[in-house]
N, C-alpha and C. Protein backbone atom coordinates (compact mmCIF):
# COMPACT_ATOMS: atom_id res chain seq x y z
N MET A 1 0.83 -1.18 0.00
CA MET A 1 0.00 0.00 0.00
C MET A 1 0.88 1.25 0.00
N ARG A 2 0.34 2.33 -0.49
CA ARG A 2 1.10 3.58 -0.52
C ARG A 2 1.30 4.09 0.89
N ASN A 3 2.48 4.70 1.06
CA ASN A 3 2.80 5.22 2.39
C ASN A 3 3.52 6.56 2.25
N GLY A 4 2.91 7.51 1.55
CA GLY A 4 3.48 8.84 1.43
C GLY A 4 4.52 8.94 0.34
N LYS A 5 5.35 9.94 0.46
CA LYS A 5 6.40 10.21 -0.54
C LYS A 5 7.73 10.44 0.15
N THR A 6 8.81 10.19 -0.59
CA THR A 6 10.16 10.47 -0.07
C THR A 6 10.45 11.96 -0.23
N SER A 7 11.58 12.40 0.29
CA SER A 7 11.96 13.82 0.15
C SER A 7 12.22 14.18 -1.31
N ALA A 8 12.52 13.17 -2.14
CA ALA A 8 12.73 13.41 -3.57
C ALA A 8 11.42 13.40 -4.35
N GLY A 9 10.31 13.12 -3.67
CA GLY A 9 9.01 13.15 -4.34
C GLY A 9 8.55 11.82 -4.90
N ARG A 10 9.28 10.75 -4.63
CA ARG A 10 8.89 9.43 -5.13
C ARG A 10 7.93 8.76 -4.15
N THR A 11 7.03 7.95 -4.68
CA THR A 11 6.05 7.26 -3.85
C THR A 11 6.74 6.19 -3.01
N ARG A 12 6.40 6.18 -1.72
CA ARG A 12 6.93 5.17 -0.80
C ARG A 12 5.85 4.11 -0.62
N TRP A 13 6.25 2.86 -0.70
CA TRP A 13 5.32 1.74 -0.56
C TRP A 13 5.64 0.99 0.74
N ARG A 14 4.59 0.54 1.45
CA ARG A 14 4.78 -0.20 2.70
C ARG A 14 4.09 -1.55 2.57
N CYS A 15 4.79 -2.58 3.02
CA CYS A 15 4.26 -3.94 3.02
C CYS A 15 3.33 -4.10 4.22
N LYS A 16 2.08 -4.55 4.00
CA LYS A 16 1.13 -4.74 5.09
C LYS A 16 1.54 -5.88 6.01
N ALA A 17 2.20 -6.91 5.44
CA ALA A 17 2.55 -8.09 6.22
C ALA A 17 3.69 -7.84 7.19
N CYS A 18 4.78 -7.20 6.70
CA CYS A 18 5.95 -7.06 7.56
C CYS A 18 6.25 -5.61 7.95
N GLY A 19 5.63 -4.65 7.29
CA GLY A 19 5.81 -3.25 7.66
C GLY A 19 7.00 -2.57 7.01
N SER A 20 7.76 -3.29 6.18
CA SER A 20 8.92 -2.66 5.55
C SER A 20 8.45 -1.71 4.44
N SER A 21 9.28 -0.70 4.16
CA SER A 21 8.91 0.24 3.10
C SER A 21 9.99 0.24 2.03
N ALA A 22 9.58 0.61 0.82
CA ALA A 22 10.52 0.63 -0.31
C ALA A 22 9.99 1.59 -1.36
N THR A 23 10.88 1.98 -2.23
CA THR A 23 10.50 2.77 -3.39
C THR A 23 10.83 1.96 -4.63
N GLN A 24 10.10 2.19 -5.69
CA GLN A 24 10.34 1.46 -6.93
C GLN A 24 10.58 2.47 -8.04
N PHE A 25 11.35 2.06 -9.01
CA PHE A 25 11.55 2.89 -10.19
C PHE A 25 11.70 1.99 -11.39
N ARG A 26 11.40 2.53 -12.55
CA ARG A 26 11.53 1.78 -13.80
C ARG A 26 12.74 2.31 -14.55
N THR A 27 13.68 1.42 -14.83
CA THR A 27 14.90 1.80 -15.52
C THR A 27 14.61 2.37 -16.91
N ASP A 28 13.63 1.81 -17.62
CA ASP A 28 13.35 2.29 -18.97
C ASP A 28 12.83 3.73 -18.95
N VAL A 29 12.02 4.06 -17.97
CA VAL A 29 11.49 5.43 -17.87
C VAL A 29 12.63 6.38 -17.50
N THR A 30 13.48 5.96 -16.57
CA THR A 30 14.61 6.78 -16.15
C THR A 30 15.56 7.02 -17.32
N ARG A 31 15.89 5.98 -18.07
CA ARG A 31 16.80 6.12 -19.21
C ARG A 31 16.21 7.01 -20.29
N ARG A 32 14.91 6.90 -20.53
CA ARG A 32 14.27 7.76 -21.53
C ARG A 32 14.37 9.22 -21.11
N ALA A 33 14.14 9.50 -19.84
CA ALA A 33 14.24 10.88 -19.34
C ALA A 33 15.68 11.38 -19.44
N GLN A 34 16.65 10.51 -19.13
CA GLN A 34 18.06 10.90 -19.24
C GLN A 34 18.45 11.18 -20.69
N LEU A 35 18.00 10.33 -21.62
CA LEU A 35 18.29 10.55 -23.03
C LEU A 35 17.65 11.84 -23.53
N ASN A 36 16.42 12.11 -23.12
CA ASN A 36 15.77 13.36 -23.52
C ASN A 36 16.51 14.58 -22.97
N ALA A 37 17.01 14.49 -21.73
CA ALA A 37 17.79 15.59 -21.16
C ALA A 37 19.10 15.77 -21.92
N PHE A 38 19.75 14.66 -22.27
CA PHE A 38 21.00 14.71 -23.03
C PHE A 38 20.79 15.34 -24.40
N LEU A 39 19.77 14.87 -25.13
CA LEU A 39 19.50 15.43 -26.45
C LEU A 39 19.07 16.88 -26.36
N GLY A 40 18.32 17.22 -25.32
CA GLY A 40 17.94 18.61 -25.12
C GLY A 40 19.15 19.50 -24.94
N TRP A 41 20.13 19.03 -24.17
CA TRP A 41 21.36 19.81 -23.98
C TRP A 41 22.19 19.82 -25.26
N LEU A 42 22.34 18.67 -25.91
CA LEU A 42 23.20 18.54 -27.08
C LEU A 42 22.70 19.38 -28.25
N LEU A 43 21.40 19.40 -28.46
CA LEU A 43 20.83 20.06 -29.63
C LEU A 43 20.27 21.44 -29.34
N ASP A 44 20.40 21.90 -28.11
CA ASP A 44 19.87 23.21 -27.73
C ASP A 44 21.02 24.13 -27.34
N LYS A 45 20.70 25.35 -27.01
CA LYS A 45 21.72 26.32 -26.65
C LYS A 45 22.01 26.36 -25.15
N ASP A 46 21.27 25.59 -24.36
CA ASP A 46 21.45 25.60 -22.91
C ASP A 46 22.80 25.01 -22.51
N SER A 47 23.34 25.50 -21.42
CA SER A 47 24.57 24.92 -20.86
C SER A 47 24.20 23.66 -20.10
N GLN A 48 25.20 22.88 -19.70
CA GLN A 48 24.93 21.68 -18.92
C GLN A 48 24.28 22.04 -17.59
N LYS A 49 24.69 23.15 -17.03
CA LYS A 49 24.12 23.61 -15.77
C LYS A 49 22.63 23.89 -15.93
N ASP A 50 22.27 24.58 -17.00
CA ASP A 50 20.86 24.91 -17.24
C ASP A 50 20.04 23.66 -17.57
N ALA A 51 20.61 22.76 -18.36
CA ALA A 51 19.87 21.58 -18.81
C ALA A 51 19.64 20.58 -17.68
N GLY A 52 20.64 20.42 -16.81
CA GLY A 52 20.53 19.41 -15.77
C GLY A 52 20.24 19.94 -14.40
N GLY A 53 20.24 21.25 -14.26
CA GLY A 53 20.06 21.81 -12.92
C GLY A 53 21.33 21.60 -12.11
N GLY A 54 21.50 22.32 -11.08
CA GLY A 54 22.70 22.17 -10.26
C GLY A 54 23.92 22.74 -10.95
N THR A 55 25.05 22.06 -10.85
CA THR A 55 26.31 22.56 -11.41
C THR A 55 26.62 22.02 -12.80
N GLY A 56 25.86 21.10 -13.29
CA GLY A 56 26.13 20.46 -14.58
C GLY A 56 26.74 19.09 -14.40
N ARG A 57 27.32 18.84 -13.22
CA ARG A 57 27.90 17.52 -12.96
C ARG A 57 26.84 16.43 -12.94
N SER A 58 25.67 16.76 -12.42
CA SER A 58 24.60 15.75 -12.36
C SER A 58 24.17 15.34 -13.76
N LEU A 59 24.12 16.29 -14.70
CA LEU A 59 23.78 15.94 -16.08
C LEU A 59 24.87 15.06 -16.68
N ARG A 60 26.13 15.41 -16.50
CA ARG A 60 27.23 14.60 -17.04
C ARG A 60 27.22 13.20 -16.44
N PHE A 61 26.94 13.09 -15.14
CA PHE A 61 26.94 11.79 -14.48
C PHE A 61 25.77 10.93 -14.97
N SER A 62 24.59 11.51 -15.03
CA SER A 62 23.41 10.71 -15.37
C SER A 62 23.31 10.39 -16.86
N THR A 63 23.95 11.19 -17.72
CA THR A 63 23.82 10.96 -19.16
C THR A 63 25.12 10.50 -19.81
N GLY A 64 26.12 10.15 -19.03
CA GLY A 64 27.39 9.69 -19.60
C GLY A 64 27.24 8.50 -20.53
N TRP A 65 26.30 7.63 -20.24
CA TRP A 65 26.08 6.44 -21.07
C TRP A 65 25.59 6.82 -22.47
N CYS A 66 25.00 8.01 -22.63
CA CYS A 66 24.44 8.41 -23.93
C CYS A 66 25.52 8.57 -25.00
N TRP A 67 26.76 8.86 -24.60
CA TRP A 67 27.84 9.00 -25.57
C TRP A 67 28.20 7.67 -26.23
N HIS A 68 27.77 6.56 -25.66
CA HIS A 68 28.13 5.24 -26.17
C HIS A 68 27.05 4.61 -27.02
N ILE A 69 26.01 5.35 -27.34
CA ILE A 69 24.96 4.82 -28.22
C ILE A 69 25.48 4.83 -29.65
N GLU A 70 25.40 3.69 -30.31
CA GLU A 70 25.85 3.60 -31.69
C GLU A 70 24.67 3.78 -32.63
N ALA A 71 24.78 4.76 -33.50
CA ALA A 71 23.74 4.98 -34.51
C ALA A 71 23.95 4.00 -35.65
N PRO A 72 22.91 3.34 -36.11
CA PRO A 72 23.08 2.39 -37.21
C PRO A 72 23.36 3.12 -38.53
N GLN A 73 24.14 2.49 -39.38
CA GLN A 73 24.43 3.03 -40.71
C GLN A 73 23.15 3.07 -41.53
N PRO A 74 23.00 4.08 -42.40
CA PRO A 74 21.85 4.07 -43.30
C PRO A 74 21.92 2.83 -44.20
N ASP A 75 20.76 2.25 -44.49
CA ASP A 75 20.72 1.09 -45.37
C ASP A 75 21.14 1.50 -46.78
N PRO A 76 22.06 0.74 -47.40
CA PRO A 76 22.46 1.08 -48.77
C PRO A 76 21.29 0.85 -49.72
N THR A 77 21.02 1.85 -50.53
CA THR A 77 19.89 1.75 -51.47
C THR A 77 20.36 1.39 -52.87
N GLY A 78 21.65 1.58 -53.14
CA GLY A 78 22.16 1.34 -54.48
C GLY A 78 21.94 2.52 -55.41
N GLU A 79 21.30 3.57 -54.89
CA GLU A 79 21.03 4.75 -55.70
C GLU A 79 22.35 5.44 -56.07
N VAL A 80 22.46 5.82 -57.34
CA VAL A 80 23.63 6.57 -57.81
C VAL A 80 23.28 8.05 -57.71
N HIS A 81 24.00 8.75 -56.86
CA HIS A 81 23.72 10.17 -56.61
C HIS A 81 24.44 11.04 -57.64
N ARG A 82 23.83 12.14 -58.01
CA ARG A 82 24.47 13.09 -58.93
C ARG A 82 25.74 13.63 -58.30
N GLN A 83 25.68 13.98 -57.03
CA GLN A 83 26.86 14.49 -56.33
C GLN A 83 26.81 14.03 -54.89
N ILE A 84 28.00 13.89 -54.30
CA ILE A 84 28.08 13.71 -52.87
C ILE A 84 29.14 14.66 -52.35
N ILE A 85 28.92 15.12 -51.14
CA ILE A 85 29.85 16.01 -50.46
C ILE A 85 30.47 15.19 -49.35
N VAL A 86 31.81 15.14 -49.32
CA VAL A 86 32.48 14.34 -48.30
C VAL A 86 33.40 15.23 -47.48
N ASP A 87 33.48 14.94 -46.20
CA ASP A 87 34.35 15.70 -45.31
C ASP A 87 34.59 14.87 -44.06
N GLY A 88 35.64 15.21 -43.36
CA GLY A 88 35.95 14.58 -42.09
C GLY A 88 35.95 15.63 -41.00
N THR A 89 35.51 15.23 -39.82
CA THR A 89 35.55 16.13 -38.67
C THR A 89 35.97 15.32 -37.45
N TYR A 90 36.57 16.00 -36.50
CA TYR A 90 37.08 15.33 -35.31
C TYR A 90 36.14 15.54 -34.14
N VAL A 91 35.83 14.43 -33.45
CA VAL A 91 34.95 14.45 -32.30
C VAL A 91 35.62 13.66 -31.19
N ASN A 92 35.97 14.35 -30.10
CA ASN A 92 36.52 13.69 -28.92
C ASN A 92 37.74 12.82 -29.24
N GLY A 93 38.61 13.32 -30.11
CA GLY A 93 39.83 12.60 -30.45
C GLY A 93 39.70 11.60 -31.59
N TRP A 94 38.50 11.38 -32.08
CA TRP A 94 38.28 10.46 -33.20
C TRP A 94 37.83 11.26 -34.41
N CYS A 95 38.04 10.69 -35.58
CA CYS A 95 37.63 11.34 -36.82
C CYS A 95 36.42 10.59 -37.38
N VAL A 96 35.44 11.34 -37.85
CA VAL A 96 34.31 10.72 -38.53
C VAL A 96 34.27 11.30 -39.94
N LEU A 97 34.30 10.41 -40.93
CA LEU A 97 34.22 10.79 -42.33
C LEU A 97 32.75 10.69 -42.73
N ILE A 98 32.23 11.74 -43.34
CA ILE A 98 30.80 11.81 -43.63
C ILE A 98 30.57 12.02 -45.13
N ALA A 99 29.63 11.28 -45.70
CA ALA A 99 29.20 11.46 -47.08
C ALA A 99 27.76 11.95 -47.06
N HIS A 100 27.53 13.05 -47.75
CA HIS A 100 26.23 13.72 -47.74
C HIS A 100 25.80 13.96 -49.18
N ASN A 101 24.55 13.73 -49.50
CA ASN A 101 24.10 13.91 -50.88
C ASN A 101 23.42 15.26 -51.12
N GLY A 102 23.53 16.18 -50.18
CA GLY A 102 22.90 17.49 -50.30
C GLY A 102 21.59 17.54 -49.53
N THR A 103 21.02 16.40 -49.24
CA THR A 103 19.78 16.32 -48.48
C THR A 103 19.93 15.46 -47.24
N HIS A 104 20.59 14.31 -47.40
CA HIS A 104 20.71 13.35 -46.31
C HIS A 104 22.15 12.85 -46.19
N ILE A 105 22.50 12.40 -45.01
CA ILE A 105 23.77 11.70 -44.81
C ILE A 105 23.57 10.29 -45.35
N ILE A 106 24.45 9.89 -46.26
CA ILE A 106 24.29 8.57 -46.88
C ILE A 106 25.29 7.55 -46.34
N GLY A 107 26.23 8.01 -45.51
CA GLY A 107 27.17 7.09 -44.90
C GLY A 107 28.20 7.82 -44.08
N TRP A 108 28.82 7.11 -43.14
CA TRP A 108 29.92 7.67 -42.36
C TRP A 108 30.85 6.55 -41.95
N GLN A 109 32.06 6.95 -41.58
CA GLN A 109 33.09 5.99 -41.19
C GLN A 109 33.90 6.59 -40.05
N TRP A 110 33.98 5.90 -38.91
CA TRP A 110 34.83 6.35 -37.80
C TRP A 110 36.25 5.87 -38.06
N CYS A 111 37.23 6.70 -37.71
CA CYS A 111 38.64 6.33 -37.86
C CYS A 111 39.46 7.17 -36.89
N ASP A 112 40.75 6.84 -36.75
CA ASP A 112 41.59 7.63 -35.86
C ASP A 112 42.10 8.89 -36.54
N LYS A 113 42.22 8.86 -37.87
CA LYS A 113 42.60 10.04 -38.65
C LYS A 113 42.17 9.80 -40.10
N GLU A 114 42.10 10.88 -40.88
CA GLU A 114 41.75 10.73 -42.28
C GLU A 114 42.88 9.99 -42.98
N SER A 115 42.54 8.90 -43.64
CA SER A 115 43.54 8.11 -44.37
C SER A 115 42.86 7.48 -45.58
N LYS A 116 43.68 7.02 -46.50
CA LYS A 116 43.15 6.37 -47.70
C LYS A 116 42.30 5.16 -47.33
N ALA A 117 42.76 4.37 -46.37
CA ALA A 117 42.03 3.17 -45.97
C ALA A 117 40.66 3.53 -45.39
N ALA A 118 40.60 4.61 -44.62
CA ALA A 118 39.33 5.02 -44.03
C ALA A 118 38.36 5.50 -45.10
N TRP A 119 38.89 6.29 -46.06
CA TRP A 119 38.03 6.76 -47.15
C TRP A 119 37.54 5.60 -48.01
N VAL A 120 38.39 4.63 -48.28
CA VAL A 120 37.98 3.45 -49.07
C VAL A 120 36.88 2.70 -48.33
N ALA A 121 37.01 2.58 -46.99
CA ALA A 121 35.98 1.89 -46.21
C ALA A 121 34.63 2.60 -46.33
N LEU A 122 34.64 3.93 -46.39
CA LEU A 122 33.40 4.68 -46.58
C LEU A 122 32.87 4.53 -47.99
N PHE A 123 33.76 4.72 -48.99
CA PHE A 123 33.32 4.73 -50.39
C PHE A 123 32.87 3.37 -50.91
N LYS A 124 33.35 2.29 -50.31
CA LYS A 124 32.97 0.98 -50.85
C LYS A 124 31.49 0.67 -50.60
N ARG A 125 30.82 1.43 -49.73
CA ARG A 125 29.40 1.23 -49.49
C ARG A 125 28.52 2.12 -50.36
N ILE A 126 29.14 3.01 -51.14
CA ILE A 126 28.40 4.01 -51.91
C ILE A 126 28.72 3.86 -53.39
N PRO A 127 27.71 3.69 -54.24
CA PRO A 127 27.99 3.67 -55.69
C PRO A 127 28.57 5.01 -56.13
N ALA A 128 29.45 5.00 -57.10
CA ALA A 128 30.14 6.21 -57.54
C ALA A 128 29.14 7.23 -58.08
N PRO A 129 29.19 8.46 -57.56
CA PRO A 129 28.29 9.51 -58.06
C PRO A 129 28.88 10.16 -59.31
N ASP A 130 28.15 11.12 -59.87
CA ASP A 130 28.67 11.88 -61.00
C ASP A 130 29.82 12.78 -60.56
N VAL A 131 29.69 13.40 -59.37
CA VAL A 131 30.70 14.34 -58.87
C VAL A 131 30.88 14.13 -57.37
N VAL A 132 32.14 14.20 -56.90
CA VAL A 132 32.45 14.17 -55.47
C VAL A 132 33.02 15.54 -55.11
N VAL A 133 32.42 16.21 -54.13
CA VAL A 133 32.90 17.51 -53.67
C VAL A 133 33.62 17.29 -52.35
N THR A 134 34.87 17.79 -52.28
CA THR A 134 35.69 17.60 -51.09
C THR A 134 36.50 18.85 -50.82
N ASP A 135 36.99 19.00 -49.60
CA ASP A 135 37.87 20.12 -49.29
C ASP A 135 39.33 19.67 -49.25
N GLY A 136 39.57 18.47 -49.71
CA GLY A 136 40.93 17.93 -49.72
C GLY A 136 41.75 18.49 -50.87
N PRO A 137 43.00 18.07 -50.98
CA PRO A 137 43.86 18.56 -52.06
C PRO A 137 43.35 18.10 -53.42
N PRO A 138 43.55 18.90 -54.47
CA PRO A 138 43.02 18.54 -55.78
C PRO A 138 43.66 17.29 -56.37
N ASP A 139 44.83 16.89 -55.89
CA ASP A 139 45.46 15.68 -56.42
C ASP A 139 45.06 14.45 -55.60
N SER A 140 43.95 14.56 -54.83
CA SER A 140 43.48 13.40 -54.07
C SER A 140 43.25 12.24 -55.02
N GLU A 141 43.57 11.06 -54.56
CA GLU A 141 43.40 9.90 -55.42
C GLU A 141 41.93 9.62 -55.65
N GLN A 142 41.58 9.32 -56.87
CA GLN A 142 40.22 9.02 -57.26
C GLN A 142 39.76 7.78 -56.49
N PRO A 143 38.65 7.89 -55.72
CA PRO A 143 38.23 6.73 -54.94
C PRO A 143 37.63 5.60 -55.77
N TRP A 144 37.09 5.90 -56.94
CA TRP A 144 36.51 4.88 -57.79
C TRP A 144 37.35 4.75 -59.06
N THR A 145 37.60 3.55 -59.50
CA THR A 145 38.37 3.33 -60.72
C THR A 145 37.49 3.59 -61.93
N SER A 146 38.08 3.55 -63.13
CA SER A 146 37.29 3.81 -64.34
C SER A 146 36.20 2.76 -64.54
N SER A 147 36.38 1.57 -63.97
CA SER A 147 35.34 0.55 -64.08
C SER A 147 34.26 0.75 -63.02
N GLY A 148 34.47 1.75 -62.12
CA GLY A 148 33.47 2.02 -61.10
C GLY A 148 33.70 1.28 -59.80
N GLU A 149 34.81 0.52 -59.69
CA GLU A 149 35.07 -0.21 -58.46
C GLU A 149 35.93 0.62 -57.52
N VAL A 150 35.67 0.47 -56.23
CA VAL A 150 36.50 1.11 -55.22
C VAL A 150 37.65 0.14 -54.93
N PRO A 151 38.92 0.61 -55.06
CA PRO A 151 40.04 -0.29 -54.77
C PRO A 151 39.91 -0.84 -53.34
N GLY A 152 40.11 -2.11 -53.19
CA GLY A 152 40.03 -2.73 -51.87
C GLY A 152 38.63 -3.19 -51.51
N SER A 153 37.65 -2.92 -52.38
CA SER A 153 36.30 -3.39 -52.10
C SER A 153 36.06 -4.67 -52.89
N SER A 154 34.96 -5.30 -52.61
CA SER A 154 34.67 -6.55 -53.30
C SER A 154 33.65 -6.33 -54.41
N GLY A 155 34.04 -5.57 -55.43
CA GLY A 155 33.23 -5.47 -56.63
C GLY A 155 32.10 -4.46 -56.61
N VAL A 156 32.21 -3.36 -55.86
CA VAL A 156 31.20 -2.31 -55.92
C VAL A 156 31.40 -1.59 -57.24
N THR A 157 30.37 -1.54 -58.07
CA THR A 157 30.53 -0.94 -59.38
C THR A 157 29.56 0.20 -59.60
N SER A 158 29.99 1.16 -60.39
CA SER A 158 29.17 2.28 -60.83
C SER A 158 30.02 3.09 -61.79
N THR A 159 29.63 4.36 -62.01
CA THR A 159 30.38 5.18 -62.94
C THR A 159 31.56 5.83 -62.23
N SER A 160 32.52 6.33 -63.00
CA SER A 160 33.67 7.02 -62.43
C SER A 160 33.27 8.43 -62.06
N ALA A 161 33.74 8.94 -60.91
CA ALA A 161 33.34 10.26 -60.43
C ALA A 161 34.54 11.18 -60.32
N PRO A 162 34.47 12.38 -60.93
CA PRO A 162 35.55 13.35 -60.75
C PRO A 162 35.51 13.96 -59.36
N LEU A 163 36.67 14.38 -58.87
CA LEU A 163 36.76 15.05 -57.58
C LEU A 163 36.80 16.56 -57.81
N LEU A 164 35.96 17.28 -57.11
CA LEU A 164 36.03 18.73 -57.09
C LEU A 164 36.54 19.13 -55.74
N SER A 165 37.58 19.97 -55.69
CA SER A 165 38.20 20.32 -54.43
C SER A 165 38.14 21.81 -54.18
N ALA A 166 37.99 22.17 -52.90
CA ALA A 166 37.99 23.58 -52.51
C ALA A 166 39.41 24.10 -52.40
N THR A 167 40.40 23.20 -52.41
CA THR A 167 41.80 23.60 -52.30
C THR A 167 42.36 23.81 -53.70
N PRO A 168 42.74 25.04 -54.07
CA PRO A 168 43.26 25.28 -55.43
C PRO A 168 44.62 24.63 -55.61
N PRO A 169 44.99 24.29 -56.87
CA PRO A 169 46.29 23.66 -57.13
C PRO A 169 47.45 24.61 -56.89
């Protein structure tokens, strides 16, 4: 039976048979609230202090697990895009290579630094577009061969794509 509330506002339950009291909580509800607080802080302009109340440490402590959620890769559709925009950015000491078609992210690859092997791992999942836009050097190696295969992949084929670079020769 119910027996009032704790100082934190949670319902206290008392056993009629033995008189002991306890509180209950649902982990799934707690985790959902923590994830919503994390996303609210991550995608909003609020500081950790504002988002979590207190000094911000409580938000970092309760939502630390959220950094370890792995987002699934987009399902390959086989669609040949007119253009893709590729770039790498560093997050917490790791590099993420991102391929974007102008509307949606079509793939990404985590790596320790931008390297040919990392780019090949990303490109082997994407059919060659008409144009690849990058901020890398103009002499970057073409990721797709003239037959449309990505070197090091197992037979991904499409058309050959020229590289357009923001870095002048």
